[in-house]
Amino acid sequence: MSKRDYYEILGIARNASEDDIKTAYRKLASKYHPDKLADSEKAAGEVKFKEAKEAYETLSDAEKRGMYDHHGHTNDHFSHGTRSYTYSAGPDGHKETVDEMLRSFFGKTTFNEDIFGQTPRQSVHVVNISLADAYMGKTIRVGSGTTINVPKGVRAGTKFYTDGKFYRVDVQPHFKFKRSLDDLLVDVELTAIEAMLGVDAILDHLDGARLQFSIPAGIQPGQVVKLSGKGMKNPESDRFGDMLVRISVKIPQNIDEEAKAVLRNMSHRDSINI
């Protein structure tokens, strides 16, 4: 069965410019993306998408396009594997790959990932780091001569691509702090008297810094003391989240008579109606 003409597939003229080719491909890639197709349409959509991809990979490369214009579909001249093809350089001279273009267009989808939900062809290597590493950022050696620069505030699941491999960062649970987006949450238990009278507190942060703050008198169980800007750095901006200190109160179960006598002199109800 003969292949369809690449220009026909993309719906462009034979003298189309590089921008025309790119624009036509983006429209088809968007049209046949699985998120925009019903389940009954996905099989046919996959065929259309692969046709458009093949046409784009050829016509976006000046050398391949020239050979195609002269020879048509000739297996001796074209190879459509999973490597990254490039199209014309931008103003800074960088030749953006098809993978990079599709990543910028769809977010995370690349040609090395199967956009129709199949298993990726390239494995992802997991790198485990601590929450303190994520807070401070660090450089991690992942192989002989290969390193990954982990930015401050990196989130679990973030992927990096270096030296031909994909790496995914997993952030291990911390014994004291829990992360919620860019905020850090820590639970603090007070005695009833500390909650009633208030107390000064010192908190050792992930980087070893000591945060001094006051817990106000009369604080209630479940209330939160917020330390603004003491959470995780947002990896996409210069903003920091907050440190949220959540209060719980422990009520003593065994009180001696002397303590009871003191408490009875405090304002309280002898009985309540429920």
C-alpha atoms as a PDB file:
ATOM      1  CA  MET A   1       0.000   0.000   0.000  1.00  0.00           C
ATOM      2  CA  SER A   2       1.527   3.329  -1.094  1.00  0.00           C
ATOM      3  CA  LYS A   3       2.070   6.072   1.418  1.00  0.00           C
ATOM      4  CA  ARG A   4       0.166   9.332   1.268  1.00  0.00           C
ATOM      5  CA  ASP A   5       2.022  12.416   0.131  1.00  0.00           C
ATOM      6  CA  TYR A   6       3.573  14.252   3.092  1.00  0.00           C
ATOM      7  CA  TYR A   7       2.387  17.655   1.874  1.00  0.00           C
ATOM      8  CA  GLU A   8      -1.136  16.259   1.524  1.00  0.00           C
ATOM      9  CA  ILE A   9      -1.033  14.835   5.047  1.00  0.00           C
ATOM     10  CA  LEU A  10      -0.111  18.216   6.532  1.00  0.00           C
ATOM     11  CA  GLY A  11      -2.442  20.084   4.162  1.00  0.00           C
ATOM     12  CA  ILE A  12       0.233  22.467   2.882  1.00  0.00           C
ATOM     13  CA  ALA A  13       1.606  23.545  -0.482  1.00  0.00           C
ATOM     14  CA  ARG A  14       4.883  22.146  -1.792  1.00  0.00           C
ATOM     15  CA  ASN A  15       6.504  25.572  -1.418  1.00  0.00           C
ATOM     16  CA  ALA A  16       5.367  25.915   2.202  1.00  0.00           C
ATOM     17  CA  SER A  17       7.761  27.690   4.568  1.00  0.00           C
ATOM     18  CA  GLU A  18       9.228  26.132   7.707  1.00  0.00           C
ATOM     19  CA  ASP A  19       6.748  28.112   9.823  1.00  0.00           C
ATOM     20  CA  ASP A  20       3.881  26.819   7.659  1.00  0.00           C
ATOM     21  CA  ILE A  21       5.056  23.246   8.222  1.00  0.00           C
ATOM     22  CA  LYS A  22       5.364  23.749  11.956  1.00  0.00           C
ATOM     23  CA  THR A  23       1.944  25.413  12.249  1.00  0.00           C
ATOM     24  CA  ALA A  24       0.241  22.683  10.222  1.00  0.00           C
ATOM     25  CA  TYR A  25       1.802  19.961  12.334  1.00  0.00           C
ATOM     26  CA  ARG A  26       0.814  21.626  15.615  1.00  0.00           C
ATOM     27  CA  LYS A  27      -2.809  21.786  14.461  1.00  0.00           C
ATOM     28  CA  LEU A  28      -2.864  18.084  13.561  1.00  0.00           C
ATOM     29  CA  ALA A  29      -1.049  17.056  16.752  1.00  0.00           C
ATOM     30  CA  SER A  30      -3.639  18.955  18.775  1.00  0.00           C
ATOM     31  CA  LYS A  31      -6.558  17.591  16.748  1.00  0.00           C
ATOM     32  CA  TYR A  32      -5.542  13.954  17.171  1.00  0.00           C
ATOM     33  CA  HIS A  33      -4.274  14.167  20.755  1.00  0.00           C
ATOM     34  CA  PRO A  34      -5.967  11.370  22.761  1.00  0.00           C
ATOM     35  CA  ASP A  35      -7.314  13.826  25.345  1.00  0.00           C
ATOM     36  CA  LYS A  36      -9.495  15.326  22.625  1.00  0.00           C
ATOM     37  CA  LEU A  37     -10.777  12.061  21.147  1.00  0.00           C
ATOM     38  CA  ALA A  38     -13.519   9.715  22.247  1.00  0.00           C
ATOM     39  CA  ASP A  39     -12.419   6.166  23.006  1.00  0.00           C
ATOM     40  CA  SER A  40     -13.940   4.958  19.739  1.00  0.00           C
ATOM     41  CA  GLU A  41     -11.817   7.483  17.813  1.00  0.00           C
ATOM     42  CA  LYS A  42      -8.440   6.856  19.436  1.00  0.00           C
ATOM     43  CA  ALA A  43      -7.314   3.991  17.170  1.00  0.00           C
ATOM     44  CA  ALA A  44      -7.913   6.001  14.003  1.00  0.00           C
ATOM     45  CA  GLY A  45      -6.485   9.088  15.699  1.00  0.00           C
ATOM     46  CA  GLU A  46      -3.253   7.256  16.482  1.00  0.00           C
ATOM     47  CA  VAL A  47      -2.808   6.402  12.806  1.00  0.00           C
ATOM     48  CA  LYS A  48      -3.431  10.023  11.790  1.00  0.00           C
ATOM     49  CA  PHE A  49      -1.027  11.293  14.441  1.00  0.00           C
ATOM     50  CA  LYS A  50       1.755   8.938  13.342  1.00  0.00           C
ATOM     51  CA  GLU A  51       1.246   9.973   9.717  1.00  0.00           C
ATOM     52  CA  ALA A  52       1.537  13.634  10.676  1.00  0.00           C
ATOM     53  CA  LYS A  53       4.600  12.944  12.802  1.00  0.00           C
ATOM     54  CA  GLU A  54       6.350  11.130   9.947  1.00  0.00           C
ATOM     55  CA  ALA A  55       5.513  13.910   7.505  1.00  0.00           C
ATOM     56  CA  TYR A  56       6.735  16.580   9.908  1.00  0.00           C
ATOM     57  CA  GLU A  57       9.986  14.797  10.740  1.00  0.00           C
ATOM     58  CA  THR A  58      10.822  14.723   7.038  1.00  0.00           C
ATOM     59  CA  LEU A  59       9.612  18.109   5.851  1.00  0.00           C
ATOM     60  CA  SER A  60      10.994  20.035   8.852  1.00  0.00           C
ATOM     61  CA  ASP A  61      14.523  18.834   7.996  1.00  0.00           C
ATOM     62  CA  ALA A  62      15.903  20.694   4.958  1.00  0.00           C
ATOM     63  CA  GLU A  63      18.085  17.802   3.794  1.00  0.00           C
ATOM     64  CA  LYS A  64      15.351  15.175   4.189  1.00  0.00           C
ATOM     65  CA  ARG A  65      12.816  17.456   2.538  1.00  0.00           C
ATOM     66  CA  GLY A  66      15.077  17.965  -0.456  1.00  0.00           C
ATOM     67  CA  MET A  67      15.581  14.228  -0.865  1.00  0.00           C
ATOM     68  CA  TYR A  68      11.848  13.622  -0.503  1.00  0.00           C
ATOM     69  CA  ASP A  69      11.031  16.264  -3.116  1.00  0.00           C
ATOM     70  CA  HIS A  70      13.377  14.532  -5.564  1.00  0.00           C
ATOM     71  CA  HIS A  71      12.820  10.863  -4.723  1.00  0.00           C
ATOM     72  CA  GLY A  72       9.473  10.627  -2.954  1.00  0.00           C
ATOM     73  CA  HIS A  73       8.966   7.756  -0.473  1.00  0.00           C
ATOM     74  CA  THR A  74      12.231   5.798  -0.604  1.00  0.00           C
ATOM     75  CA  ASN A  75      13.182   3.621   2.324  1.00  0.00           C
ATOM     76  CA  ASP A  76      16.866   4.123   1.495  1.00  0.00           C
ATOM     77  CA  HIS A  77      16.597   7.773   2.430  1.00  0.00           C
ATOM     78  CA  PHE A  78      14.265   7.923   5.449  1.00  0.00           C
ATOM     79  CA  SER A  79      14.375   6.424   8.891  1.00  0.00           C
ATOM     80  CA  HIS A  80      11.690   7.123  11.490  1.00  0.00           C
ATOM     81  CA  GLY A  81      12.923   5.792  14.807  1.00  0.00           C
ATOM     82  CA  THR A  82      12.576   7.294  18.264  1.00  0.00           C
ATOM     83  CA  ARG A  83      15.512   9.685  18.122  1.00  0.00           C
ATOM     84  CA  SER A  84      14.908  13.427  18.364  1.00  0.00           C
ATOM     85  CA  TYR A  85      14.658  15.246  15.026  1.00  0.00           C
ATOM     86  CA  THR A  86      15.203  18.988  14.735  1.00  0.00           C
ATOM     87  CA  TYR A  87      13.619  21.852  12.898  1.00  0.00           C
ATOM     88  CA  SER A  88      15.002  25.258  12.041  1.00  0.00           C
ATOM     89  CA  ALA A  89      17.020  27.223  14.544  1.00  0.00           C
ATOM     90  CA  GLY A  90      15.491  30.120  16.447  1.00  0.00           C
ATOM     91  CA  PRO A  91      16.998  33.585  16.877  1.00  0.00           C
ATOM     92  CA  ASP A  92      19.518  32.270  19.420  1.00  0.00           C
ATOM     93  CA  GLY A  93      20.701  29.528  17.075  1.00  0.00           C
ATOM     94  CA  HIS A  94      19.220  26.691  19.171  1.00  0.00           C
ATOM     95  CA  LYS A  95      17.732  23.907  17.035  1.00  0.00           C
ATOM     96  CA  GLU A  96      14.685  22.793  18.973  1.00  0.00           C
ATOM     97  CA  THR A  97      13.922  19.106  18.792  1.00  0.00           C
ATOM     98  CA  VAL A  98      10.509  17.682  17.987  1.00  0.00           C
ATOM     99  CA  ASP A  99      10.484  16.343  21.555  1.00  0.00           C
ATOM    100  CA  GLU A 100      11.085  19.830  22.943  1.00  0.00           C
ATOM    101  CA  MET A 101       8.412  21.358  20.728  1.00  0.00           C
ATOM    102  CA  LEU A 102       5.827  18.803  21.794  1.00  0.00           C
ATOM    103  CA  ARG A 103       6.802  19.173  25.445  1.00  0.00           C
ATOM    104  CA  SER A 104       6.252  22.931  25.252  1.00  0.00           C
ATOM    105  CA  PHE A 105       2.970  22.394  23.410  1.00  0.00           C
ATOM    106  CA  PHE A 106       1.399  19.580  25.461  1.00  0.00           C
ATOM    107  CA  GLY A 107       3.304  19.997  28.726  1.00  0.00           C
ATOM    108  CA  LYS A 108       4.883  16.605  29.294  1.00  0.00           C
ATOM    109  CA  THR A 109       4.246  14.601  26.125  1.00  0.00           C
ATOM    110  CA  THR A 110       7.233  13.741  23.948  1.00  0.00           C
ATOM    111  CA  PHE A 111       7.823  11.342  21.109  1.00  0.00           C
ATOM    112  CA  ASN A 112       9.855   9.164  23.462  1.00  0.00           C
ATOM    113  CA  GLU A 113       6.735   8.821  25.585  1.00  0.00           C
ATOM    114  CA  ASP A 114       3.756   7.143  23.973  1.00  0.00           C
ATOM    115  CA  ILE A 115       0.946   9.715  24.032  1.00  0.00           C
ATOM    116  CA  PHE A 116      -1.667   7.021  23.525  1.00  0.00           C
ATOM    117  CA  GLY A 117      -1.114   5.570  26.996  1.00  0.00           C
ATOM    118  CA  GLN A 118       1.294   2.750  26.178  1.00  0.00           C
ATOM    119  CA  THR A 119       4.420   1.986  28.180  1.00  0.00           C
ATOM    120  CA  PRO A 120       7.277   4.462  27.525  1.00  0.00           C
ATOM    121  CA  ARG A 121      10.144   2.946  25.600  1.00  0.00           C
ATOM    122  CA  GLN A 122      12.762   4.569  27.820  1.00  0.00           C
ATOM    123  CA  SER A 123      13.012   3.647  31.483  1.00  0.00           C
ATOM    124  CA  VAL A 124      13.040   6.261  34.225  1.00  0.00           C
ATOM    125  CA  HIS A 125      15.685   6.010  36.936  1.00  0.00           C
ATOM    126  CA  VAL A 126      14.521   6.931  40.442  1.00  0.00           C
ATOM    127  CA  VAL A 127      16.658   9.188  42.626  1.00  0.00           C
ATOM    128  CA  ASN A 128      15.704   9.297  46.314  1.00  0.00           C
ATOM    129  CA  ILE A 129      16.408  12.470  48.277  1.00  0.00           C
ATOM    130  CA  SER A 130      15.464  13.705  51.735  1.00  0.00           C
ATOM    131  CA  LEU A 131      13.074  16.567  52.445  1.00  0.00           C
ATOM    132  CA  ALA A 132      16.088  18.535  53.701  1.00  0.00           C
ATOM    133  CA  ASP A 133      17.791  18.009  50.323  1.00  0.00           C
ATOM    134  CA  ALA A 134      14.642  19.248  48.592  1.00  0.00           C
ATOM    135  CA  TYR A 135      14.525  22.298  50.878  1.00  0.00           C
ATOM    136  CA  MET A 136      18.160  23.292  50.346  1.00  0.00           C
ATOM    137  CA  GLY A 137      18.725  21.993  46.809  1.00  0.00           C
ATOM    138  CA  LYS A 138      21.773  19.947  45.926  1.00  0.00           C
ATOM    139  CA  THR A 139      23.894  18.418  43.199  1.00  0.00           C
ATOM    140  CA  ILE A 140      23.498  14.638  42.977  1.00  0.00           C
ATOM    141  CA  ARG A 141      25.875  12.242  41.252  1.00  0.00           C
ATOM    142  CA  VAL A 142      23.790   9.650  39.389  1.00  0.00           C
ATOM    143  CA  GLY A 143      26.475   7.953  37.373  1.00  0.00           C
ATOM    144  CA  SER A 144      30.080   8.102  36.305  1.00  0.00           C
ATOM    145  CA  GLY A 145      30.584  11.755  35.504  1.00  0.00           C
ATOM    146  CA  THR A 146      26.820  12.441  35.471  1.00  0.00           C
ATOM    147  CA  THR A 147      25.203  14.843  37.920  1.00  0.00           C
ATOM    148  CA  ILE A 148      21.764  16.378  38.401  1.00  0.00           C
ATOM    149  CA  ASN A 149      21.337  19.853  39.856  1.00  0.00           C
ATOM    150  CA  VAL A 150      18.267  19.581  42.075  1.00  0.00           C
ATOM    151  CA  PRO A 151      16.784  23.068  42.628  1.00  0.00           C
ATOM    152  CA  LYS A 152      15.557  24.342  45.979  1.00  0.00           C
ATOM    153  CA  GLY A 153      11.956  23.343  46.585  1.00  0.00           C
ATOM    154  CA  VAL A 154      11.951  20.521  44.031  1.00  0.00           C
ATOM    155  CA  ARG A 155       8.722  18.510  44.193  1.00  0.00           C
ATOM    156  CA  ALA A 156       8.415  14.744  44.308  1.00  0.00           C
ATOM    157  CA  GLY A 157       7.949  13.320  40.826  1.00  0.00           C
ATOM    158  CA  THR A 158       9.982  15.989  39.041  1.00  0.00           C
ATOM    159  CA  LYS A 159      11.828  14.517  36.058  1.00  0.00           C
ATOM    160  CA  PHE A 160      15.233  15.414  34.673  1.00  0.00           C
ATOM    161  CA  TYR A 161      16.823  14.390  31.377  1.00  0.00           C
ATOM    162  CA  THR A 162      20.597  14.219  31.165  1.00  0.00           C
ATOM    163  CA  ASP A 163      23.163  12.177  29.258  1.00  0.00           C
ATOM    164  CA  GLY A 164      20.440  10.321  27.390  1.00  0.00           C
ATOM    165  CA  LYS A 165      18.550   9.136  30.476  1.00  0.00           C
ATOM    166  CA  PHE A 166      15.436  10.186  32.383  1.00  0.00           C
ATOM    167  CA  TYR A 167      15.609  10.566  36.173  1.00  0.00           C
ATOM    168  CA  ARG A 168      12.683  11.043  38.583  1.00  0.00           C
ATOM    169  CA  VAL A 169      13.149  12.581  42.012  1.00  0.00           C
ATOM    170  CA  ASP A 170      11.347  10.919  44.907  1.00  0.00           C
ATOM    171  CA  VAL A 171      11.328  12.866  48.192  1.00  0.00           C
ATOM    172  CA  GLN A 172      11.350  10.632  51.247  1.00  0.00           C
ATOM    173  CA  PRO A 173       8.961  11.269  54.182  1.00  0.00           C
ATOM    174  CA  HIS A 174      10.341  13.292  57.090  1.00  0.00           C
ATOM    175  CA  PHE A 175       9.884  12.276  60.708  1.00  0.00           C
ATOM    176  CA  LYS A 176       8.743  15.751  61.775  1.00  0.00           C
ATOM    177  CA  PHE A 177       7.678  17.878  58.802  1.00  0.00           C
ATOM    178  CA  LYS A 178       4.983  17.219  56.210  1.00  0.00           C
ATOM    179  CA  ARG A 179       4.852  19.099  52.920  1.00  0.00           C
ATOM    180  CA  SER A 180       1.664  20.547  51.415  1.00  0.00           C
ATOM    181  CA  LEU A 181       2.530  22.246  48.106  1.00  0.00           C
ATOM    182  CA  ASP A 182       5.030  24.876  49.291  1.00  0.00           C
ATOM    183  CA  ASP A 183       3.967  24.892  52.958  1.00  0.00           C
ATOM    184  CA  LEU A 184       5.517  22.814  55.725  1.00  0.00           C
ATOM    185  CA  LEU A 185       3.357  21.427  58.524  1.00  0.00           C
ATOM    186  CA  VAL A 186       4.622  20.395  61.946  1.00  0.00           C
ATOM    187  CA  ASP A 187       2.531  19.151  64.889  1.00  0.00           C
ATOM    188  CA  VAL A 188       3.318  20.377  68.405  1.00  0.00           C
ATOM    189  CA  GLU A 189       1.763  18.991  71.573  1.00  0.00           C
ATOM    190  CA  LEU A 190       1.283  21.327  74.564  1.00  0.00           C
ATOM    191  CA  THR A 191       0.159  20.688  78.087  1.00  0.00           C
ATOM    192  CA  ALA A 192      -3.093  22.298  79.153  1.00  0.00           C
ATOM    193  CA  ILE A 193      -1.231  24.874  81.240  1.00  0.00           C
ATOM    194  CA  GLU A 194       1.115  25.765  78.340  1.00  0.00           C
ATOM    195  CA  ALA A 195      -1.884  26.253  76.088  1.00  0.00           C
ATOM    196  CA  MET A 196      -3.625  28.433  78.660  1.00  0.00           C
ATOM    197  CA  LEU A 197      -0.621  30.597  79.556  1.00  0.00           C
ATOM    198  CA  GLY A 198       1.238  30.627  76.233  1.00  0.00           C
ATOM    199  CA  VAL A 199       4.833  29.506  75.711  1.00  0.00           C
ATOM    200  CA  ASP A 200       7.976  30.490  73.818  1.00  0.00           C
ATOM    201  CA  ALA A 201       9.118  27.910  71.286  1.00  0.00           C
ATOM    202  CA  ILE A 202      12.256  27.054  69.300  1.00  0.00           C
ATOM    203  CA  LEU A 203      11.965  24.995  66.125  1.00  0.00           C
ATOM    204  CA  ASP A 204      14.951  23.406  64.377  1.00  0.00           C
ATOM    205  CA  HIS A 205      14.405  23.848  60.634  1.00  0.00           C
ATOM    206  CA  LEU A 206      15.453  21.491  57.834  1.00  0.00           C
ATOM    207  CA  ASP A 207      18.665  23.439  57.193  1.00  0.00           C
ATOM    208  CA  GLY A 208      19.620  23.547  60.888  1.00  0.00           C
ATOM    209  CA  ALA A 209      18.407  27.114  61.462  1.00  0.00           C
ATOM    210  CA  ARG A 210      16.606  27.712  64.777  1.00  0.00           C
ATOM    211  CA  LEU A 211      13.269  29.496  64.509  1.00  0.00           C
ATOM    212  CA  GLN A 212      12.141  31.301  67.667  1.00  0.00           C
ATOM    213  CA  PHE A 213       8.493  32.258  68.048  1.00  0.00           C
ATOM    214  CA  SER A 214       5.738  32.517  70.641  1.00  0.00           C
ATOM    215  CA  ILE A 215       2.616  30.399  70.971  1.00  0.00           C
ATOM    216  CA  PRO A 216      -0.053  32.763  72.349  1.00  0.00           C
ATOM    217  CA  ALA A 217      -1.972  32.220  75.562  1.00  0.00           C
ATOM    218  CA  GLY A 218      -5.356  30.574  75.158  1.00  0.00           C
ATOM    219  CA  ILE A 219      -4.553  28.809  71.917  1.00  0.00           C
ATOM    220  CA  GLN A 220      -7.037  26.063  71.108  1.00  0.00           C
ATOM    221  CA  PRO A 221      -6.409  22.486  69.949  1.00  0.00           C
ATOM    222  CA  GLY A 222      -6.185  22.375  66.157  1.00  0.00           C
ATOM    223  CA  GLN A 223      -5.262  26.034  65.786  1.00  0.00           C
ATOM    224  CA  VAL A 224      -2.189  26.912  63.721  1.00  0.00           C
ATOM    225  CA  VAL A 225       0.671  29.330  64.310  1.00  0.00           C
ATOM    226  CA  LYS A 226       1.953  30.540  60.922  1.00  0.00           C
ATOM    227  CA  LEU A 227       5.594  31.438  60.351  1.00  0.00           C
ATOM    228  CA  SER A 228       5.430  33.335  57.077  1.00  0.00           C
ATOM    229  CA  GLY A 229       8.008  32.512  54.418  1.00  0.00           C
ATOM    230  CA  LYS A 230       9.556  29.639  56.361  1.00  0.00           C
ATOM    231  CA  GLY A 231       8.214  26.856  54.151  1.00  0.00           C
ATOM    232  CA  MET A 232       9.562  25.371  50.904  1.00  0.00           C
ATOM    233  CA  LYS A 233      10.743  27.496  48.013  1.00  0.00           C
ATOM    234  CA  ASN A 234       8.453  27.417  45.013  1.00  0.00           C
ATOM    235  CA  PRO A 235      10.672  25.787  42.360  1.00  0.00           C
ATOM    236  CA  GLU A 236       9.125  27.969  39.642  1.00  0.00           C
ATOM    237  CA  SER A 237       9.478  31.347  41.385  1.00  0.00           C
ATOM    238  CA  ASP A 238      11.253  33.143  44.223  1.00  0.00           C
ATOM    239  CA  ARG A 239       8.268  32.731  46.566  1.00  0.00           C
ATOM    240  CA  PHE A 240       8.485  30.667  49.761  1.00  0.00           C
ATOM    241  CA  GLY A 241       5.602  28.901  51.442  1.00  0.00           C
ATOM    242  CA  ASP A 242       4.842  29.102  55.162  1.00  0.00           C
ATOM    243  CA  MET A 243       5.663  27.002  58.189  1.00  0.00           C
ATOM    244  CA  LEU A 244       2.401  25.922  59.834  1.00  0.00           C
ATOM    245  CA  VAL A 245       2.693  24.866  63.467  1.00  0.00           C
ATOM    246  CA  ARG A 246      -0.450  22.918  64.391  1.00  0.00           C
ATOM    247  CA  ILE A 247      -1.291  22.718  68.087  1.00  0.00           C
ATOM    248  CA  SER A 248      -2.633  19.771  70.025  1.00  0.00           C
ATOM    249  CA  VAL A 249      -3.227  19.757  73.792  1.00  0.00           C
ATOM    250  CA  LYS A 250      -2.567  16.828  76.094  1.00  0.00           C
ATOM    251  CA  ILE A 251      -4.878  16.650  79.109  1.00  0.00           C
ATOM    252  CA  PRO A 252      -3.291  14.936  82.120  1.00  0.00           C
ATOM    253  CA  GLN A 253      -5.176  11.873  83.392  1.00  0.00           C
ATOM    254  CA  ASN A 254      -3.759  11.615  86.911  1.00  0.00           C
ATOM    255  CA  ILE A 255      -3.842  14.854  88.934  1.00  0.00           C
ATOM    256  CA  ASP A 256      -2.880  14.910  92.596  1.00  0.00           C
ATOM    257  CA  GLU A 257      -5.116  16.538  95.207  1.00  0.00           C
ATOM    258  CA  GLU A 258      -2.906  19.603  95.594  1.00  0.00           C
ATOM    259  CA  ALA A 259      -3.151  20.354  91.857  1.00  0.00           C
ATOM    260  CA  LYS A 260      -6.897  19.757  91.940  1.00  0.00           C
ATOM    261  CA  ALA A 261      -7.264  22.273  94.755  1.00  0.00           C
ATOM    262  CA  VAL A 262      -5.473  24.918  92.694  1.00  0.00           C
ATOM    263  CA  LEU A 263      -7.634  24.167  89.650  1.00  0.00           C
ATOM    264  CA  ARG A 264     -10.862  24.366  91.657  1.00  0.00           C
ATOM    265  CA  ASN A 265     -10.021  27.966  92.530  1.00  0.00           C
ATOM    266  CA  MET A 266      -9.975  28.794  88.827  1.00  0.00           C
ATOM    267  CA  SER A 267     -13.138  29.834  87.015  1.00  0.00           C
ATOM    268  CA  HIS A 268     -14.981  26.729  85.853  1.00  0.00           C
ATOM    269  CA  ARG A 269     -18.435  25.140  85.721  1.00  0.00           C
ATOM    270  CA  ASP A 270     -19.403  22.499  88.270  1.00  0.00           C
ATOM    271  CA  SER A 271     -22.037  21.074  85.934  1.00  0.00           C
ATOM    272  CA  ILE A 272     -23.152  21.492  82.338  1.00  0.00           C
ATOM    273  CA  ASN A 273     -26.334  20.841  80.389  1.00  0.00           C
ATOM    274  CA  ILE A 274     -25.815  19.112  77.044  1.00  0.00           C
END
